Amino acid sequence: TEMREWIEYLTSPGEDTLAKERRANGRDK
């Protein structure tokens, strides 16, 4: 689970929570 979430945080282009968290931390793409 931790691996999957880290990968999704890094690479997801969508509107899922992890992608939104990455954007909130300063990285849009």
PDB file of all heavy atoms in Angstrom:
ATOM      1  N   THR A   1       0.835  -1.209   0.000  1.00  0.00           N
ATOM      2  CA  THR A   1       0.000   0.000   0.000  1.00  0.00           C
ATOM      3  C   THR A   1       0.863   1.249   0.000  1.00  0.00           C
ATOM      4  O   THR A   1       0.604   2.202  -0.752  1.00  0.00           O
ATOM      5  CB  THR A   1      -0.938   0.008   1.214  1.00  0.00           C
ATOM      6  OG1 THR A   1      -1.816  -1.118   1.132  1.00  0.00           O
ATOM      7  CG2 THR A   1      -1.758   1.289   1.257  1.00  0.00           C
ATOM      8  N   GLU A   2       1.917   1.268   0.845  1.00  0.00           N
ATOM      9  CA  GLU A   2       2.779   2.452   0.890  1.00  0.00           C
ATOM     10  C   GLU A   2       3.487   2.657  -0.443  1.00  0.00           C
ATOM     11  O   GLU A   2       3.632   3.796  -0.910  1.00  0.00           O
ATOM     12  CB  GLU A   2       3.797   2.326   2.029  1.00  0.00           C
ATOM     13  CG  GLU A   2       3.182   2.490   3.408  1.00  0.00           C
ATOM     14  CD  GLU A   2       4.223   2.713   4.490  1.00  0.00           C
ATOM     15  OE1 GLU A   2       5.371   3.074   4.156  1.00  0.00           O
ATOM     16  OE2 GLU A   2       3.886   2.527   5.669  1.00  0.00           O
ATOM     17  N   MET A   3       3.929   1.574  -1.067  1.00  0.00           N
ATOM     18  CA  MET A   3       4.554   1.687  -2.382  1.00  0.00           C
ATOM     19  C   MET A   3       3.574   2.260  -3.392  1.00  0.00           C
ATOM     20  O   MET A   3       3.916   3.192  -4.134  1.00  0.00           O
ATOM     21  CB  MET A   3       5.034   0.315  -2.859  1.00  0.00           C
ATOM     22  CG  MET A   3       5.608   0.321  -4.279  1.00  0.00           C
ATOM     23  SD  MET A   3       5.730  -1.329  -5.027  1.00  0.00           S
ATOM     24  CE  MET A   3       3.969  -1.677  -5.286  1.00  0.00           C
ATOM     25  N   ARG A   4       2.381   1.691  -3.452  1.00  0.00           N
ATOM     26  CA  ARG A   4       1.384   2.138  -4.427  1.00  0.00           C
ATOM     27  C   ARG A   4       1.047   3.611  -4.226  1.00  0.00           C
ATOM     28  O   ARG A   4       0.957   4.387  -5.190  1.00  0.00           O
ATOM     29  CB  ARG A   4       0.118   1.291  -4.309  1.00  0.00           C
ATOM     30  CG  ARG A   4      -1.000   1.718  -5.249  1.00  0.00           C
ATOM     31  CD  ARG A   4      -2.288   0.961  -4.990  1.00  0.00           C
ATOM     32  NE  ARG A   4      -2.798   1.174  -3.639  1.00  0.00           N
ATOM     33  CZ  ARG A   4      -3.464   2.268  -3.247  1.00  0.00           C
ATOM     34  NH1 ARG A   4      -3.677   3.266  -4.104  1.00  0.00           N
ATOM     35  NH2 ARG A   4      -3.898   2.380  -2.015  1.00  0.00           N
ATOM     36  N   GLU A   5       0.874   4.022  -2.985  1.00  0.00           N
ATOM     37  CA  GLU A   5       0.500   5.415  -2.722  1.00  0.00           C
ATOM     38  C   GLU A   5       1.625   6.376  -3.088  1.00  0.00           C
ATOM     39  O   GLU A   5       1.361   7.477  -3.594  1.00  0.00           O
ATOM     40  CB  GLU A   5       0.082   5.572  -1.260  1.00  0.00           C
ATOM     41  CG  GLU A   5      -1.238   4.884  -0.950  1.00  0.00           C
ATOM     42  CD  GLU A   5      -1.709   5.126   0.468  1.00  0.00           C
ATOM     43  OE1 GLU A   5      -0.915   5.639   1.298  1.00  0.00           O
ATOM     44  OE2 GLU A   5      -2.882   4.801   0.764  1.00  0.00           O
ATOM     45  N   TRP A   6       2.860   5.992  -2.835  1.00  0.00           N
ATOM     46  CA  TRP A   6       3.986   6.863  -3.207  1.00  0.00           C
ATOM     47  C   TRP A   6       4.050   7.014  -4.726  1.00  0.00           C
ATOM     48  O   TRP A   6       4.215   8.118  -5.249  1.00  0.00           O
ATOM     49  CB  TRP A   6       5.299   6.300  -2.669  1.00  0.00           C
ATOM     50  CG  TRP A   6       6.456   7.271  -2.684  1.00  0.00           C
ATOM     51  CD1 TRP A   6       6.404   8.623  -2.896  1.00  0.00           C
ATOM     52  CD2 TRP A   6       7.835   6.955  -2.444  1.00  0.00           C
ATOM     53  NE1 TRP A   6       7.665   9.171  -2.812  1.00  0.00           N
ATOM     54  CE2 TRP A   6       8.557   8.176  -2.535  1.00  0.00           C
ATOM     55  CE3 TRP A   6       8.514   5.776  -2.160  1.00  0.00           C
ATOM     56  CZ2 TRP A   6       9.945   8.221  -2.358  1.00  0.00           C
ATOM     57  CZ3 TRP A   6       9.901   5.832  -1.975  1.00  0.00           C
ATOM     58  CH2 TRP A   6      10.603   7.043  -2.074  1.00  0.00           C
ATOM     59  N   ILE A   7       3.898   5.900  -5.436  1.00  0.00           N
ATOM     60  CA  ILE A   7       3.928   5.957  -6.896  1.00  0.00           C
ATOM     61  C   ILE A   7       2.787   6.814  -7.432  1.00  0.00           C
ATOM     62  O   ILE A   7       2.979   7.634  -8.339  1.00  0.00           O
ATOM     63  CB  ILE A   7       3.879   4.537  -7.492  1.00  0.00           C
ATOM     64  CG1 ILE A   7       5.179   3.786  -7.175  1.00  0.00           C
ATOM     65  CG2 ILE A   7       3.665   4.588  -9.002  1.00  0.00           C
ATOM     66  CD1 ILE A   7       5.165   2.322  -7.565  1.00  0.00           C
ATOM     67  N   GLU A   8       1.606   6.656  -6.868  1.00  0.00           N
ATOM     68  CA  GLU A   8       0.467   7.459  -7.330  1.00  0.00           C
ATOM     69  C   GLU A   8       0.673   8.932  -7.002  1.00  0.00           C
ATOM     70  O   GLU A   8       0.327   9.812  -7.802  1.00  0.00           O
ATOM     71  CB  GLU A   8      -0.822   6.929  -6.710  1.00  0.00           C
ATOM     72  CG  GLU A   8      -1.247   5.585  -7.292  1.00  0.00           C
ATOM     73  CD  GLU A   8      -2.540   5.059  -6.699  1.00  0.00           C
ATOM     74  OE1 GLU A   8      -3.248   5.836  -6.028  1.00  0.00           O
ATOM     75  OE2 GLU A   8      -2.841   3.878  -6.920  1.00  0.00           O
ATOM     76  N   TYR A   9       1.231   9.211  -5.830  1.00  0.00           N
ATOM     77  CA  TYR A   9       1.535  10.594  -5.462  1.00  0.00           C
ATOM     78  C   TYR A   9       2.482  11.212  -6.492  1.00  0.00           C
ATOM     79  O   TYR A   9       2.301  12.362  -6.924  1.00  0.00           O
ATOM     80  CB  TYR A   9       2.160  10.629  -4.073  1.00  0.00           C
ATOM     81  CG  TYR A   9       2.568  12.008  -3.582  1.00  0.00           C
ATOM     82  CD1 TYR A   9       1.675  12.790  -2.854  1.00  0.00           C
ATOM     83  CD2 TYR A   9       3.843  12.513  -3.836  1.00  0.00           C
ATOM     84  CE1 TYR A   9       2.046  14.054  -2.395  1.00  0.00           C
ATOM     85  CE2 TYR A   9       4.221  13.773  -3.384  1.00  0.00           C
ATOM     86  CZ  TYR A   9       3.323  14.540  -2.668  1.00  0.00           C
ATOM     87  OH  TYR A   9       3.691  15.788  -2.222  1.00  0.00           O
ATOM     88  N   LEU A  10       3.460  10.455  -6.908  1.00  0.00           N
ATOM     89  CA  LEU A  10       4.450  10.952  -7.861  1.00  0.00           C
ATOM     90  C   LEU A  10       3.898  11.102  -9.271  1.00  0.00           C
ATOM     91  O   LEU A  10       4.207  12.077  -9.964  1.00  0.00           O
ATOM     92  CB  LEU A  10       5.642   9.986  -7.909  1.00  0.00           C
ATOM     93  CG  LEU A  10       6.606   9.987  -6.732  1.00  0.00           C
ATOM     94  CD1 LEU A  10       7.410   8.686  -6.700  1.00  0.00           C
ATOM     95  CD2 LEU A  10       7.539  11.190  -6.803  1.00  0.00           C
ATOM     96  N   THR A  11       3.088  10.140  -9.708  1.00  0.00           N
ATOM     97  CA  THR A  11       2.812  10.016 -11.148  1.00  0.00           C
ATOM     98  C   THR A  11       1.376  10.255 -11.581  1.00  0.00           C
ATOM     99  O   THR A  11       1.116  10.363 -12.781  1.00  0.00           O
ATOM    100  CB  THR A  11       3.219   8.605 -11.624  1.00  0.00           C
ATOM    101  OG1 THR A  11       2.385   7.620 -10.984  1.00  0.00           O
ATOM    102  CG2 THR A  11       4.685   8.315 -11.329  1.00  0.00           C
ATOM    103  N   SER A  12       0.440  10.330 -10.661  1.00  0.00           N
ATOM    104  CA  SER A  12      -0.962  10.427 -11.080  1.00  0.00           C
ATOM    105  C   SER A  12      -1.279  11.794 -11.697  1.00  0.00           C
ATOM    106  O   SER A  12      -1.000  12.839 -11.100  1.00  0.00           O
ATOM    107  CB  SER A  12      -1.896  10.195  -9.899  1.00  0.00           C
ATOM    108  OG  SER A  12      -3.239  10.407 -10.299  1.00  0.00           O
ATOM    109  N   PRO A  13      -1.925  11.809 -12.887  1.00  0.00           N
ATOM    110  CA  PRO A  13      -2.317  13.081 -13.507  1.00  0.00           C
ATOM    111  C   PRO A  13      -3.763  13.475 -13.173  1.00  0.00           C
ATOM    112  O   PRO A  13      -4.239  14.502 -13.635  1.00  0.00           O
ATOM    113  CB  PRO A  13      -2.209  12.750 -15.008  1.00  0.00           C
ATOM    114  CG  PRO A  13      -2.609  11.313 -15.079  1.00  0.00           C
ATOM    115  CD  PRO A  13      -2.117  10.667 -13.800  1.00  0.00           C
ATOM    116  N   GLY A  14      -4.426  12.645 -12.382  1.00  0.00           N
ATOM    117  CA  GLY A  14      -5.866  12.797 -12.199  1.00  0.00           C
ATOM    118  C   GLY A  14      -6.279  13.751 -11.091  1.00  0.00           C
ATOM    119  O   GLY A  14      -5.509  14.605 -10.647  1.00  0.00           O
ATOM    120  N   GLU A  15      -7.514  13.544 -10.622  1.00  0.00           N
ATOM    121  CA  GLU A  15      -8.084  14.371  -9.557  1.00  0.00           C
ATOM    122  C   GLU A  15      -8.235  13.574  -8.267  1.00  0.00           C
ATOM    123  O   GLU A  15      -9.038  13.938  -7.401  1.00  0.00           O
ATOM    124  CB  GLU A  15      -9.449  14.916 -10.013  1.00  0.00           C
ATOM    125  CG  GLU A  15      -9.362  15.908 -11.163  1.00  0.00           C
ATOM    126  CD  GLU A  15      -8.507  17.117 -10.825  1.00  0.00           C
ATOM    127  OE1 GLU A  15      -8.636  17.646  -9.695  1.00  0.00           O
ATOM    128  OE2 GLU A  15      -7.691  17.525 -11.674  1.00  0.00           O
ATOM    129  N   ASP A  16      -7.500  12.480  -8.170  1.00  0.00           N
ATOM    130  CA  ASP A  16      -7.546  11.677  -6.949  1.00  0.00           C
ATOM    131  C   ASP A  16      -6.857  12.421  -5.807  1.00  0.00           C
ATOM    132  O   ASP A  16      -6.118  13.387  -6.020  1.00  0.00           O
ATOM    133  CB  ASP A  16      -6.876  10.325  -7.188  1.00  0.00           C
ATOM    134  CG  ASP A  16      -5.491  10.458  -7.790  1.00  0.00           C
ATOM    135  OD1 ASP A  16      -5.383  10.558  -9.037  1.00  0.00           O
ATOM    136  OD2 ASP A  16      -4.522  10.494  -7.015  1.00  0.00           O
ATOM    137  N   THR A  17      -7.102  11.961  -4.610  1.00  0.00           N
ATOM    138  CA  THR A  17      -6.618  12.658  -3.423  1.00  0.00           C
ATOM    139  C   THR A  17      -5.095  12.781  -3.389  1.00  0.00           C
ATOM    140  O   THR A  17      -4.557  13.824  -3.011  1.00  0.00           O
ATOM    141  CB  THR A  17      -7.110  11.926  -2.158  1.00  0.00           C
ATOM    142  OG1 THR A  17      -8.541  11.948  -2.132  1.00  0.00           O
ATOM    143  CG2 THR A  17      -6.576  12.588  -0.889  1.00  0.00           C
ATOM    144  N   LEU A  18      -4.379  11.731  -3.811  1.00  0.00           N
ATOM    145  CA  LEU A  18      -2.922  11.780  -3.770  1.00  0.00           C
ATOM    146  C   LEU A  18      -2.380  12.788  -4.781  1.00  0.00           C
ATOM    147  O   LEU A  18      -1.417  13.509  -4.495  1.00  0.00           O
ATOM    148  CB  LEU A  18      -2.349  10.389  -4.033  1.00  0.00           C
ATOM    149  CG  LEU A  18      -2.504   9.405  -2.868  1.00  0.00           C
ATOM    150  CD1 LEU A  18      -2.239   7.978  -3.326  1.00  0.00           C
ATOM    151  CD2 LEU A  18      -1.568   9.769  -1.726  1.00  0.00           C
ATOM    152  N   ALA A  19      -2.974  12.856  -5.963  1.00  0.00           N
ATOM    153  CA  ALA A  19      -2.544  13.846  -6.952  1.00  0.00           C
ATOM    154  C   ALA A  19      -2.816  15.261  -6.439  1.00  0.00           C
ATOM    155  O   ALA A  19      -2.004  16.182  -6.628  1.00  0.00           O
ATOM    156  CB  ALA A  19      -3.246  13.611  -8.276  1.00  0.00           C
ATOM    157  N   LYS A  20      -3.949  15.449  -5.790  1.00  0.00           N
ATOM    158  CA  LYS A  20      -4.282  16.760  -5.229  1.00  0.00           C
ATOM    159  C   LYS A  20      -3.313  17.135  -4.111  1.00  0.00           C
ATOM    160  O   LYS A  20      -2.939  18.305  -3.965  1.00  0.00           O
ATOM    161  CB  LYS A  20      -5.716  16.760  -4.725  1.00  0.00           C
ATOM    162  CG  LYS A  20      -6.768  16.723  -5.827  1.00  0.00           C
ATOM    163  CD  LYS A  20      -8.169  16.729  -5.235  1.00  0.00           C
ATOM    164  CE  LYS A  20      -9.234  16.734  -6.335  1.00  0.00           C
ATOM    165  NZ  LYS A  20     -10.614  16.706  -5.779  1.00  0.00           N
ATOM    166  N   GLU A  21      -2.905  16.139  -3.330  1.00  0.00           N
ATOM    167  CA  GLU A  21      -1.948  16.409  -2.256  1.00  0.00           C
ATOM    168  C   GLU A  21      -0.603  16.845  -2.844  1.00  0.00           C
ATOM    169  O   GLU A  21       0.040  17.763  -2.317  1.00  0.00           O
ATOM    170  CB  GLU A  21      -1.777  15.165  -1.387  1.00  0.00           C
ATOM    171  CG  GLU A  21      -0.886  15.391  -0.178  1.00  0.00           C
ATOM    172  CD  GLU A  21      -0.776  14.162   0.714  1.00  0.00           C
ATOM    173  OE1 GLU A  21      -1.211  13.071   0.301  1.00  0.00           O
ATOM    174  OE2 GLU A  21      -0.230  14.305   1.831  1.00  0.00           O
ATOM    175  N   ARG A  22      -0.176  16.191  -3.913  1.00  0.00           N
ATOM    176  CA  ARG A  22       1.075  16.594  -4.579  1.00  0.00           C
ATOM    177  C   ARG A  22       0.968  18.038  -5.058  1.00  0.00           C
ATOM    178  O   ARG A  22       1.903  18.833  -4.913  1.00  0.00           O
ATOM    179  CB  ARG A  22       1.352  15.661  -5.758  1.00  0.00           C
ATOM    180  CG  ARG A  22       2.669  15.976  -6.479  1.00  0.00           C
ATOM    181  CD  ARG A  22       2.796  15.243  -7.800  1.00  0.00           C
ATOM    182  NE  ARG A  22       1.849  15.746  -8.796  1.00  0.00           N
ATOM    183  CZ  ARG A  22       0.934  15.007  -9.399  1.00  0.00           C
ATOM    184  NH1 ARG A  22       0.815  13.716  -9.124  1.00  0.00           N
ATOM    185  NH2 ARG A  22       0.103  15.550 -10.279  1.00  0.00           N
ATOM    186  N   ARG A  23      -0.165  18.373  -5.643  1.00  0.00           N
ATOM    187  CA  ARG A  23      -0.345  19.752  -6.134  1.00  0.00           C
ATOM    188  C   ARG A  23      -0.331  20.741  -4.979  1.00  0.00           C
ATOM    189  O   ARG A  23       0.256  21.829  -5.080  1.00  0.00           O
ATOM    190  CB  ARG A  23      -1.647  19.857  -6.921  1.00  0.00           C
ATOM    191  CG  ARG A  23      -1.651  19.035  -8.207  1.00  0.00           C
ATOM    192  CD  ARG A  23      -2.898  19.296  -9.058  1.00  0.00           C
ATOM    193  NE  ARG A  23      -2.916  18.395 -10.197  1.00  0.00           N
ATOM    194  CZ  ARG A  23      -3.675  17.322 -10.309  1.00  0.00           C
ATOM    195  NH1 ARG A  23      -4.519  17.004  -9.313  1.00  0.00           N
ATOM    196  NH2 ARG A  23      -3.627  16.550 -11.381  1.00  0.00           N
ATOM    197  N   ALA A  24      -0.960  20.365  -3.881  1.00  0.00           N
ATOM    198  CA  ALA A  24      -0.970  21.249  -2.712  1.00  0.00           C
ATOM    199  C   ALA A  24       0.439  21.462  -2.170  1.00  0.00           C
ATOM    200  O   ALA A  24       0.741  22.500  -1.573  1.00  0.00           O
ATOM    201  CB  ALA A  24      -1.871  20.662  -1.625  1.00  0.00           C
ATOM    202  N   ASN A  25       1.320  20.500  -2.419  1.00  0.00           N
ATOM    203  CA  ASN A  25       2.714  20.599  -1.962  1.00  0.00           C
ATOM    204  C   ASN A  25       3.624  21.241  -3.000  1.00  0.00           C
ATOM    205  O   ASN A  25       4.847  21.248  -2.837  1.00  0.00           O
ATOM    206  CB  ASN A  25       3.239  19.214  -1.578  1.00  0.00           C
ATOM    207  CG  ASN A  25       2.650  18.715  -0.265  1.00  0.00           C
ATOM    208  OD1 ASN A  25       2.296  19.503   0.613  1.00  0.00           O
ATOM    209  ND2 ASN A  25       2.540  17.402  -0.124  1.00  0.00           N
ATOM    210  N   GLY A  26       3.005  21.785  -4.083  1.00  0.00           N
ATOM    211  CA  GLY A  26       3.780  22.625  -4.985  1.00  0.00           C
ATOM    212  C   GLY A  26       4.090  22.063  -6.355  1.00  0.00           C
ATOM    213  O   GLY A  26       4.748  22.726  -7.159  1.00  0.00           O
ATOM    214  N   ARG A  27       3.600  20.847  -6.662  1.00  0.00           N
ATOM    215  CA  ARG A  27       3.908  20.262  -7.966  1.00  0.00           C
ATOM    216  C   ARG A  27       2.603  19.914  -8.689  1.00  0.00           C
ATOM    217  O   ARG A  27       1.904  18.985  -8.311  1.00  0.00           O
ATOM    218  CB  ARG A  27       4.748  19.003  -7.814  1.00  0.00           C
ATOM    219  CG  ARG A  27       5.009  18.249  -9.127  1.00  0.00           C
ATOM    220  CD  ARG A  27       5.978  18.987 -10.025  1.00  0.00           C
ATOM    221  NE  ARG A  27       6.247  18.209 -11.249  1.00  0.00           N
ATOM    222  CZ  ARG A  27       7.343  18.330 -11.974  1.00  0.00           C
ATOM    223  NH1 ARG A  27       8.285  19.188 -11.595  1.00  0.00           N
ATOM    224  NH2 ARG A  27       7.514  17.609 -13.063  1.00  0.00           N
ATOM    225  N   ASP A  28       2.310  20.666  -9.735  1.00  0.00           N
ATOM    226  CA  ASP A  28       1.078  20.440 -10.493  1.00  0.00           C
ATOM    227  C   ASP A  28       1.180  19.189 -11.358  1.00  0.00           C
ATOM    228  O   ASP A  28       0.440  18.218 -11.181  1.00  0.00           O
ATOM    229  CB  ASP A  28       0.761  21.660 -11.347  1.00  0.00           C
ATOM    230  CG  ASP A  28      -0.553  21.507 -12.127  1.00  0.00           C
ATOM    231  OD1 ASP A  28      -1.382  20.671 -11.715  1.00  0.00           O
ATOM    232  OD2 ASP A  28      -0.730  22.213 -13.133  1.00  0.00           O
ATOM    233  N   LYS A  29       2.118  19.191 -12.307  1.00  0.00           N
ATOM    234  CA  LYS A  29       2.234  18.072 -13.228  1.00  0.00           C
ATOM    235  C   LYS A  29       2.864  16.860 -12.534  1.00  0.00           C
ATOM    236  O   LYS A  29       3.667  17.007 -11.618  1.00  0.00           O
ATOM    237  CB  LYS A  29       3.100  18.468 -14.428  1.00  0.00           C
ATOM    238  CG  LYS A  29       2.476  19.541 -15.296  1.00  0.00           C
ATOM    239  CD  LYS A  29       3.396  19.862 -16.482  1.00  0.00           C
ATOM    240  CE  LYS A  29       2.780  20.928 -17.371  1.00  0.00           C
ATOM    241  NZ  LYS A  29       3.669  21.266 -18.534  1.00  0.00           N
TER     242      LYS A  29
END
